[in-house]
Amino acid sequence: MTRNSASQLLGSFFRGETPFEETKELLGHASTGIPDLFISWFAEQTEADKRVVANVLAESVIEAGDLDKNLPQACFLMVDIARSHPLSIPPEIVTKVEQLFRNRGNIRTWLNDEEGDSDRRKDFRSRWRFALALWNFLWVVGSPVAEESFETFTNQAKDPHFARSIELAKSFPRSKRM
């Protein structure tokens, strides 16, 4: 699988197109099963193809790209892949996410973000929910940066939902990857 075909497949998933057209049938509460459809498909791919798809997805989350329209869902899908197929996550992707967490400007932005009526107008990458998804990713893959940043987020986050969400996320088991 090429990077281009992986990108097209990810786009097809978020649009509910072949081979993911079944996602269009999952409405309301049933829509929570949509990521499971992708994970089932992902599990059937070769290890090399899994790494390509995981890499393209993660890079699209980290940097602006074709999946920005579905960025929140892409973030959560990235975490699901890391949790269910940790060996498919390239080490360089973990390093890139760690670098985002070592950037004081990012940390300050995420710590100061509070939920509000204007959230839909904010860049998702500047919101604490983006930081939470990335933190979950780092926690699941066993990165020490998740542990290092935990106290900062739980003690200094302006939005109490952010602090509680990270505390809850820490209760999930870590991968045996690292």
Protein backbone atom coordinates (compact mmCIF):
# COMPACT_ATOMS: atom_id res chain seq x y z
CA MET A 1 0.00 0.00 0.00
CA THR A 2 1.26 3.44 -0.86
CA ARG A 3 0.92 6.58 1.23
CA ASN A 4 -1.50 7.95 -1.38
CA SER A 5 -3.72 4.87 -1.33
CA ALA A 6 -3.67 4.89 2.50
CA SER A 7 -4.75 8.53 2.46
CA GLN A 8 -7.55 7.73 0.03
CA LEU A 9 -8.71 4.80 2.18
CA LEU A 10 -8.79 6.98 5.29
CA GLY A 11 -10.82 9.57 3.40
CA SER A 12 -13.18 6.83 2.24
CA PHE A 13 -13.63 5.71 5.82
CA PHE A 14 -14.60 9.17 7.03
CA ARG A 15 -16.97 9.66 4.07
CA GLY A 16 -18.53 6.19 4.44
CA GLU A 17 -17.40 5.03 1.01
CA THR A 18 -16.15 1.63 -0.18
CA PRO A 19 -14.96 -0.44 1.63
CA PHE A 20 -16.52 1.36 4.61
CA GLU A 21 -20.03 2.05 3.32
CA GLU A 22 -21.46 0.09 6.27
CA THR A 23 -20.63 3.09 8.49
CA LYS A 24 -23.50 5.04 6.90
CA GLU A 25 -25.96 2.57 8.43
CA LEU A 26 -24.73 3.22 11.98
CA LEU A 27 -26.78 6.13 13.25
CA GLY A 28 -27.39 7.53 16.71
CA HIS A 29 -25.99 5.40 19.50
CA ALA A 30 -24.95 2.74 16.99
CA SER A 31 -22.46 5.23 15.51
CA THR A 32 -20.15 4.48 18.45
CA GLY A 33 -19.33 1.26 16.60
CA ILE A 34 -17.93 3.06 13.56
CA PRO A 35 -14.30 2.97 14.75
CA ASP A 36 -14.66 -0.78 15.39
CA LEU A 37 -15.42 -1.28 11.70
CA PHE A 38 -12.17 0.42 10.80
CA ILE A 39 -10.20 -1.55 13.40
CA SER A 40 -11.65 -4.81 12.04
CA TRP A 41 -10.62 -3.83 8.52
CA PHE A 42 -7.22 -2.70 9.79
CA ALA A 43 -6.61 -6.03 11.55
CA GLU A 44 -6.92 -7.85 8.21
CA GLN A 45 -4.14 -5.83 6.56
CA THR A 46 -0.51 -6.90 6.29
CA GLU A 47 1.88 -5.56 8.91
CA ALA A 48 3.55 -3.35 6.31
CA ASP A 49 0.20 -1.91 5.21
CA LYS A 50 -0.82 -1.33 8.83
CA ARG A 51 2.32 0.75 9.38
CA VAL A 52 1.64 2.81 6.24
CA VAL A 53 -1.98 3.51 7.23
CA ALA A 54 -1.06 4.28 10.85
CA ASN A 55 1.72 6.60 9.70
CA VAL A 56 -0.49 8.50 7.24
CA LEU A 57 -3.26 8.82 9.83
CA ALA A 58 -0.90 10.05 12.55
CA GLU A 59 0.82 12.55 10.27
CA SER A 60 -2.60 13.88 9.22
CA VAL A 61 -3.46 14.36 12.89
CA ILE A 62 -0.16 16.04 13.75
CA GLU A 63 0.02 18.32 10.72
CA ALA A 64 -2.70 20.02 8.71
CA GLY A 65 -3.88 17.87 5.85
CA ASP A 66 -6.66 16.12 4.02
CA LEU A 67 -8.29 14.75 7.17
CA ASP A 68 -8.70 18.11 8.94
CA LYS A 69 -12.44 18.06 8.29
CA ASN A 70 -12.56 14.90 10.43
CA LEU A 71 -9.71 15.76 12.79
CA PRO A 72 -11.45 14.89 16.08
CA GLN A 73 -12.49 11.49 14.73
CA ALA A 74 -9.03 10.93 13.24
CA CYS A 75 -7.45 11.64 16.64
CA PHE A 76 -9.61 9.08 18.37
CA LEU A 77 -9.04 6.54 15.58
CA MET A 78 -5.28 7.03 15.99
CA VAL A 79 -5.63 6.17 19.69
CA ASP A 80 -7.77 3.12 18.88
CA ILE A 81 -5.12 1.86 16.47
CA ALA A 82 -2.38 2.42 19.02
CA ARG A 83 -4.40 0.52 21.63
CA SER A 84 -5.35 -2.43 19.44
CA HIS A 85 -2.28 -2.65 17.17
CA PRO A 86 0.60 -0.93 18.99
CA LEU A 87 3.31 -2.47 16.79
CA SER A 88 1.84 -0.70 13.76
CA ILE A 89 2.77 2.70 15.20
CA PRO A 90 6.12 3.82 13.79
CA PRO A 91 8.55 5.08 16.48
CA GLU A 92 9.07 8.33 14.55
CA ILE A 93 5.36 9.13 14.99
CA VAL A 94 5.66 8.68 18.75
CA THR A 95 8.66 11.03 18.66
CA LYS A 96 6.68 13.67 16.70
CA VAL A 97 3.82 13.58 19.20
CA GLU A 98 6.30 13.78 22.08
CA GLN A 99 7.80 16.89 20.46
CA LEU A 100 4.35 18.51 20.41
CA PHE A 101 4.12 17.81 24.15
CA ARG A 102 7.51 19.34 24.80
CA ASN A 103 6.56 22.60 23.07
CA ARG A 104 5.75 25.11 25.82
CA GLY A 105 3.56 27.17 23.49
CA ASN A 106 1.35 24.15 22.79
CA ILE A 107 1.16 23.28 26.47
CA ARG A 108 0.18 26.84 27.40
CA THR A 109 -2.50 26.92 24.68
CA TRP A 110 -4.00 23.61 25.77
CA LEU A 111 -3.88 24.47 29.48
CA ASN A 112 -5.69 27.77 28.86
CA ASP A 113 -8.41 26.34 26.62
CA GLU A 114 -11.87 26.19 28.14
CA GLU A 115 -15.02 24.72 26.67
CA GLY A 116 -17.40 27.34 25.40
CA ASP A 117 -19.95 28.33 22.81
CA SER A 118 -17.22 29.36 20.35
CA ASP A 119 -15.52 25.93 20.29
CA ARG A 120 -16.68 25.15 16.74
CA ARG A 121 -14.82 28.23 15.51
CA LYS A 122 -11.56 27.25 17.23
CA ASP A 123 -8.84 25.28 15.51
CA PHE A 124 -9.15 21.79 16.97
CA ARG A 125 -5.38 21.57 17.39
CA SER A 126 -5.56 24.48 19.86
CA ARG A 127 -8.18 22.82 22.06
CA TRP A 128 -7.62 20.71 25.12
CA ARG A 129 -9.52 17.85 23.50
CA PHE A 130 -6.73 17.59 20.91
CA ALA A 131 -4.16 17.48 23.71
CA LEU A 132 -6.22 14.81 25.46
CA ALA A 133 -6.28 12.62 22.35
CA LEU A 134 -2.53 13.01 21.88
CA TRP A 135 -1.93 12.34 25.58
CA ASN A 136 -4.06 9.19 25.32
CA PHE A 137 -1.96 8.12 22.34
CA LEU A 138 1.29 8.67 24.26
CA TRP A 139 -0.09 6.86 27.30
CA VAL A 140 -1.24 3.86 25.29
CA VAL A 141 2.10 3.46 23.50
CA GLY A 142 3.97 3.70 26.80
CA SER A 143 5.74 7.00 26.20
CA PRO A 144 7.37 8.49 29.30
CA VAL A 145 6.23 11.92 28.08
CA ALA A 146 2.64 11.04 29.04
CA GLU A 147 3.73 10.45 32.64
CA GLU A 148 5.96 13.54 32.62
CA SER A 149 3.13 15.81 31.46
CA PHE A 150 0.39 14.27 33.62
CA GLU A 151 0.91 16.49 36.68
CA THR A 152 1.08 19.64 34.57
CA PHE A 153 -2.25 18.94 32.90
CA THR A 154 -4.09 17.76 36.00
CA ASN A 155 -2.85 20.61 38.19
CA GLN A 156 -2.81 23.55 35.76
CA ALA A 157 -5.63 22.99 33.27
CA LYS A 158 -8.10 25.87 33.30
CA ASP A 159 -10.96 23.59 32.29
CA PRO A 160 -11.73 21.07 35.06
CA HIS A 161 -13.12 18.64 32.45
CA PHE A 162 -9.65 18.44 30.92
CA ALA A 163 -8.02 17.55 34.23
CA ARG A 164 -10.69 14.93 35.00
CA SER A 165 -10.46 13.47 31.49
CA ILE A 166 -6.70 12.99 31.73
CA GLU A 167 -7.07 11.40 35.16
CA LEU A 168 -9.64 9.00 33.74
CA ALA A 169 -7.49 8.28 30.67
CA LYS A 170 -4.58 7.32 32.91
CA SER A 171 -6.68 4.48 34.30
CA PHE A 172 -6.55 2.67 30.92
CA PRO A 173 -3.84 0.06 30.53
CA ARG A 174 -0.68 0.89 28.65
CA SER A 175 0.62 -1.05 25.71
CA LYS A 176 3.41 -3.56 26.14
CA ARG A 177 5.02 -2.06 23.06
CA MET A 178 7.84 -0.11 24.69
